[in-house]
Amino acid sequence: MTRAGKEPAEDVKRAFRRAIKLAGLKVHRVEMHKTEGINGRLIQGSANPEGWPHECPALEISTTVDFGGNVGPVTIRCAATDEDPLPNTFIARRVRGCCCQLRDLPATLKMVWAERQEIVDLVKRGELVDSMFVGRWTWETPDFGV
């Protein structure tokens, strides 16, 4: 088993934890998986707001670190619902195309979380549209081609 890229991947895990905390969220988990298919390691993290009552996390992040130590863009996934995200997979709006560089993750997570709350509030007021754009990202219900 190769150790190449392990130290940079550990740095990314620490950066994920810091970014989550700086965004005002609680770390749910941060994991690293060695993946030959990407010739490196997959780093995945998830976070919840204080008091989140659901098993499924409120927000997820992921990136890759190749065996040379190069870090890819961080992908952020989040559903705009205060309900359990899993049973609401087909109806909750989800952020689309949300990626950033690792150095920008703390600020981006804060912005995504604030924008998510705006979408939740719009939905609660009944201001429903297929695609919602309130700031930087588009929030849409999933399209599974059905």
C-alpha atoms as a PDB file:
ATOM      1  CA  MET A   1       0.000   0.000   0.000  1.00  0.00           C
ATOM      2  CA  THR A   2       1.467   3.338  -1.018  1.00  0.00           C
ATOM      3  CA  ARG A   3       1.827   6.202   1.410  1.00  0.00           C
ATOM      4  CA  ALA A   4       2.300   8.703  -1.427  1.00  0.00           C
ATOM      5  CA  GLY A   5      -0.005  11.673  -0.966  1.00  0.00           C
ATOM      6  CA  LYS A   6      -1.063  10.600   2.536  1.00  0.00           C
ATOM      7  CA  GLU A   7       0.338  13.649   4.352  1.00  0.00           C
ATOM      8  CA  PRO A   8      -1.349  16.150   2.009  1.00  0.00           C
ATOM      9  CA  ALA A   9      -4.582  14.163   2.376  1.00  0.00           C
ATOM     10  CA  GLU A  10      -4.313  14.408   6.174  1.00  0.00           C
ATOM     11  CA  ASP A  11      -3.838  18.171   5.758  1.00  0.00           C
ATOM     12  CA  VAL A  12      -7.033  18.295   3.688  1.00  0.00           C
ATOM     13  CA  LYS A  13      -8.931  16.407   6.392  1.00  0.00           C
ATOM     14  CA  ARG A  14      -7.790  19.001   8.955  1.00  0.00           C
ATOM     15  CA  ALA A  15      -8.746  21.820   6.571  1.00  0.00           C
ATOM     16  CA  PHE A  16     -12.233  20.281   6.146  1.00  0.00           C
ATOM     17  CA  ARG A  17     -12.723  20.194   9.923  1.00  0.00           C
ATOM     18  CA  ARG A  18     -11.568  23.819  10.312  1.00  0.00           C
ATOM     19  CA  ALA A  19     -13.754  25.045   7.454  1.00  0.00           C
ATOM     20  CA  ILE A  20     -16.836  23.320   8.858  1.00  0.00           C
ATOM     21  CA  LYS A  21     -16.277  24.868  12.281  1.00  0.00           C
ATOM     22  CA  LEU A  22     -15.570  28.319  10.817  1.00  0.00           C
ATOM     23  CA  ALA A  23     -18.870  28.093   8.922  1.00  0.00           C
ATOM     24  CA  GLY A  24     -20.641  27.642  12.274  1.00  0.00           C
ATOM     25  CA  LEU A  25     -21.463  23.977  11.707  1.00  0.00           C
ATOM     26  CA  LYS A  26     -20.560  20.820  13.598  1.00  0.00           C
ATOM     27  CA  VAL A  27     -18.383  18.131  12.049  1.00  0.00           C
ATOM     28  CA  HIS A  28     -20.430  14.999  11.426  1.00  0.00           C
ATOM     29  CA  ARG A  29     -17.537  13.032   9.928  1.00  0.00           C
ATOM     30  CA  VAL A  30     -14.380  13.420   7.846  1.00  0.00           C
ATOM     31  CA  GLU A  31     -12.975  10.344   6.116  1.00  0.00           C
ATOM     32  CA  MET A  32     -10.225   9.424   3.697  1.00  0.00           C
ATOM     33  CA  HIS A  33     -10.354   6.523   1.241  1.00  0.00           C
ATOM     34  CA  LYS A  34      -7.511   5.339  -0.971  1.00  0.00           C
ATOM     35  CA  THR A  35      -8.892   4.928  -4.469  1.00  0.00           C
ATOM     36  CA  GLU A  36      -6.861   3.430  -7.297  1.00  0.00           C
ATOM     37  CA  GLY A  37      -9.450   4.600  -9.852  1.00  0.00           C
ATOM     38  CA  ILE A  38      -8.524   8.231  -9.226  1.00  0.00           C
ATOM     39  CA  ASN A  39      -4.882   7.412  -8.529  1.00  0.00           C
ATOM     40  CA  GLY A  40      -5.098   8.995  -5.110  1.00  0.00           C
ATOM     41  CA  ARG A  41      -7.284   9.527  -2.105  1.00  0.00           C
ATOM     42  CA  LEU A  42     -10.885  10.649  -1.799  1.00  0.00           C
ATOM     43  CA  ILE A  43     -11.563  12.941   1.161  1.00  0.00           C
ATOM     44  CA  GLN A  44     -15.200  13.210   2.249  1.00  0.00           C
ATOM     45  CA  GLY A  45     -16.722  15.250   5.028  1.00  0.00           C
ATOM     46  CA  SER A  46     -20.143  16.104   6.330  1.00  0.00           C
ATOM     47  CA  ALA A  47     -21.572  18.671   8.704  1.00  0.00           C
ATOM     48  CA  ASN A  48     -24.705  19.583  10.597  1.00  0.00           C
ATOM     49  CA  PRO A  49     -26.010  22.663  12.354  1.00  0.00           C
ATOM     50  CA  GLU A  50     -26.276  22.519  16.137  1.00  0.00           C
ATOM     51  CA  GLY A  51     -29.180  20.287  17.188  1.00  0.00           C
ATOM     52  CA  TRP A  52     -29.661  18.627  13.780  1.00  0.00           C
ATOM     53  CA  PRO A  53     -32.038  15.749  14.590  1.00  0.00           C
ATOM     54  CA  HIS A  54     -31.541  13.610  11.482  1.00  0.00           C
ATOM     55  CA  GLU A  55     -29.130  10.760  10.753  1.00  0.00           C
ATOM     56  CA  CYS A  56     -28.415  11.980   7.226  1.00  0.00           C
ATOM     57  CA  PRO A  57     -26.068  15.011   7.343  1.00  0.00           C
ATOM     58  CA  ALA A  58     -27.192  18.468   6.279  1.00  0.00           C
ATOM     59  CA  LEU A  59     -24.123  19.228   4.139  1.00  0.00           C
ATOM     60  CA  GLU A  60     -21.417  17.145   2.461  1.00  0.00           C
ATOM     61  CA  ILE A  61     -18.056  18.046   0.950  1.00  0.00           C
ATOM     62  CA  SER A  62     -15.522  16.030  -1.018  1.00  0.00           C
ATOM     63  CA  THR A  63     -12.277  16.349  -2.951  1.00  0.00           C
ATOM     64  CA  THR A  64      -9.441  14.224  -4.228  1.00  0.00           C
ATOM     65  CA  VAL A  65      -5.741  14.264  -3.429  1.00  0.00           C
ATOM     66  CA  ASP A  66      -3.632  12.489  -6.027  1.00  0.00           C
ATOM     67  CA  PHE A  67      -0.588  10.432  -5.078  1.00  0.00           C
ATOM     68  CA  GLY A  68       1.575  13.441  -5.959  1.00  0.00           C
ATOM     69  CA  GLY A  69      -0.198  15.523  -3.295  1.00  0.00           C
ATOM     70  CA  ASN A  70      -2.241  17.717  -5.664  1.00  0.00           C
ATOM     71  CA  VAL A  71      -5.637  18.688  -4.264  1.00  0.00           C
ATOM     72  CA  GLY A  72      -8.637  18.873  -6.589  1.00  0.00           C
ATOM     73  CA  PRO A  73     -11.577  21.254  -6.312  1.00  0.00           C
ATOM     74  CA  VAL A  74     -13.901  20.744  -3.350  1.00  0.00           C
ATOM     75  CA  THR A  75     -17.484  19.819  -4.210  1.00  0.00           C
ATOM     76  CA  ILE A  76     -20.232  20.943  -1.831  1.00  0.00           C
ATOM     77  CA  ARG A  77     -23.586  19.163  -1.715  1.00  0.00           C
ATOM     78  CA  CYS A  78     -26.484  20.450   0.336  1.00  0.00           C
ATOM     79  CA  ALA A  79     -30.275  20.154   0.395  1.00  0.00           C
ATOM     80  CA  ALA A  80     -32.395  23.166   1.298  1.00  0.00           C
ATOM     81  CA  THR A  81     -34.619  21.493   3.884  1.00  0.00           C
ATOM     82  CA  ASP A  82     -34.808  21.337   7.641  1.00  0.00           C
ATOM     83  CA  GLU A  83     -36.547  17.978   7.293  1.00  0.00           C
ATOM     84  CA  ASP A  84     -34.645  14.705   6.975  1.00  0.00           C
ATOM     85  CA  PRO A  85     -32.820  15.037   3.616  1.00  0.00           C
ATOM     86  CA  LEU A  86     -33.053  11.338   2.747  1.00  0.00           C
ATOM     87  CA  PRO A  87     -36.854  10.975   2.454  1.00  0.00           C
ATOM     88  CA  ASN A  88     -36.955  14.404   0.771  1.00  0.00           C
ATOM     89  CA  THR A  89     -34.444  13.436  -1.939  1.00  0.00           C
ATOM     90  CA  PHE A  90     -36.927  13.998  -4.770  1.00  0.00           C
ATOM     91  CA  ILE A  91     -38.532  17.216  -3.506  1.00  0.00           C
ATOM     92  CA  ALA A  92     -35.885  19.237  -1.649  1.00  0.00           C
ATOM     93  CA  ARG A  93     -33.939  21.743  -3.671  1.00  0.00           C
ATOM     94  CA  ARG A  94     -30.219  21.016  -3.875  1.00  0.00           C
ATOM     95  CA  VAL A  95     -27.340  23.315  -4.656  1.00  0.00           C
ATOM     96  CA  ARG A  96     -26.046  22.800  -8.199  1.00  0.00           C
ATOM     97  CA  GLY A  97     -22.479  23.108  -9.432  1.00  0.00           C
ATOM     98  CA  CYS A  98     -21.031  24.262  -6.130  1.00  0.00           C
ATOM     99  CA  CYS A  99     -17.238  23.839  -6.151  1.00  0.00           C
ATOM    100  CA  CYS A 100     -14.342  25.837  -4.768  1.00  0.00           C
ATOM    101  CA  GLN A 101     -10.643  25.598  -4.088  1.00  0.00           C
ATOM    102  CA  LEU A 102      -9.638  24.307  -0.664  1.00  0.00           C
ATOM    103  CA  ARG A 103      -8.330  27.734   0.398  1.00  0.00           C
ATOM    104  CA  ASP A 104     -11.807  29.214  -0.266  1.00  0.00           C
ATOM    105  CA  LEU A 105     -13.757  26.484   1.540  1.00  0.00           C
ATOM    106  CA  PRO A 106     -14.472  28.297   4.846  1.00  0.00           C
ATOM    107  CA  ALA A 107     -15.973  31.353   3.119  1.00  0.00           C
ATOM    108  CA  THR A 108     -17.816  29.265   0.532  1.00  0.00           C
ATOM    109  CA  LEU A 109     -19.372  27.012   3.193  1.00  0.00           C
ATOM    110  CA  LYS A 110     -20.629  30.094   5.062  1.00  0.00           C
ATOM    111  CA  MET A 111     -22.173  31.479   1.872  1.00  0.00           C
ATOM    112  CA  VAL A 112     -23.773  28.160   0.907  1.00  0.00           C
ATOM    113  CA  TRP A 113     -25.243  27.710   4.374  1.00  0.00           C
ATOM    114  CA  ALA A 114     -26.673  31.253   4.399  1.00  0.00           C
ATOM    115  CA  GLU A 115     -28.110  30.833   0.898  1.00  0.00           C
ATOM    116  CA  ARG A 116     -29.568  27.457   1.898  1.00  0.00           C
ATOM    117  CA  GLN A 117     -31.467  29.172   4.725  1.00  0.00           C
ATOM    118  CA  GLU A 118     -32.852  31.744   2.295  1.00  0.00           C
ATOM    119  CA  ILE A 119     -34.171  28.922   0.096  1.00  0.00           C
ATOM    120  CA  VAL A 120     -35.686  27.136   3.127  1.00  0.00           C
ATOM    121  CA  ASP A 121     -37.444  30.373   4.103  1.00  0.00           C
ATOM    122  CA  LEU A 122     -38.760  30.923   0.536  1.00  0.00           C
ATOM    123  CA  VAL A 123     -40.141  27.380   0.429  1.00  0.00           C
ATOM    124  CA  LYS A 124     -41.798  27.823   3.844  1.00  0.00           C
ATOM    125  CA  ARG A 125     -43.499  31.001   2.563  1.00  0.00           C
ATOM    126  CA  GLY A 126     -44.800  29.080  -0.441  1.00  0.00           C
ATOM    127  CA  GLU A 127     -42.705  30.928  -3.000  1.00  0.00           C
ATOM    128  CA  LEU A 128     -42.030  27.823  -5.050  1.00  0.00           C
ATOM    129  CA  VAL A 129     -40.443  27.766  -8.475  1.00  0.00           C
ATOM    130  CA  ASP A 130     -38.659  24.926 -10.267  1.00  0.00           C
ATOM    131  CA  SER A 131     -35.273  26.572 -10.068  1.00  0.00           C
ATOM    132  CA  MET A 132     -34.320  29.059  -7.379  1.00  0.00           C
ATOM    133  CA  PHE A 133     -31.440  31.496  -7.569  1.00  0.00           C
ATOM    134  CA  VAL A 134     -30.970  33.870  -4.650  1.00  0.00           C
ATOM    135  CA  GLY A 135     -27.306  34.671  -4.778  1.00  0.00           C
ATOM    136  CA  ARG A 136     -24.448  32.708  -6.195  1.00  0.00           C
ATOM    137  CA  TRP A 137     -25.860  29.252  -6.907  1.00  0.00           C
ATOM    138  CA  THR A 138     -28.892  27.623  -8.437  1.00  0.00           C
ATOM    139  CA  TRP A 139     -31.004  25.386  -6.200  1.00  0.00           C
ATOM    140  CA  GLU A 140     -33.122  22.822  -8.020  1.00  0.00           C
ATOM    141  CA  THR A 141     -35.023  19.665  -7.266  1.00  0.00           C
ATOM    142  CA  PRO A 142     -33.094  16.636  -8.539  1.00  0.00           C
ATOM    143  CA  ASP A 143     -33.678  15.585 -12.124  1.00  0.00           C
ATOM    144  CA  PHE A 144     -33.306  11.831 -12.291  1.00  0.00           C
ATOM    145  CA  GLY A 145     -34.470  11.611 -15.882  1.00  0.00           C
ATOM    146  CA  VAL A 146     -37.877  10.244 -14.980  1.00  0.00           C
END
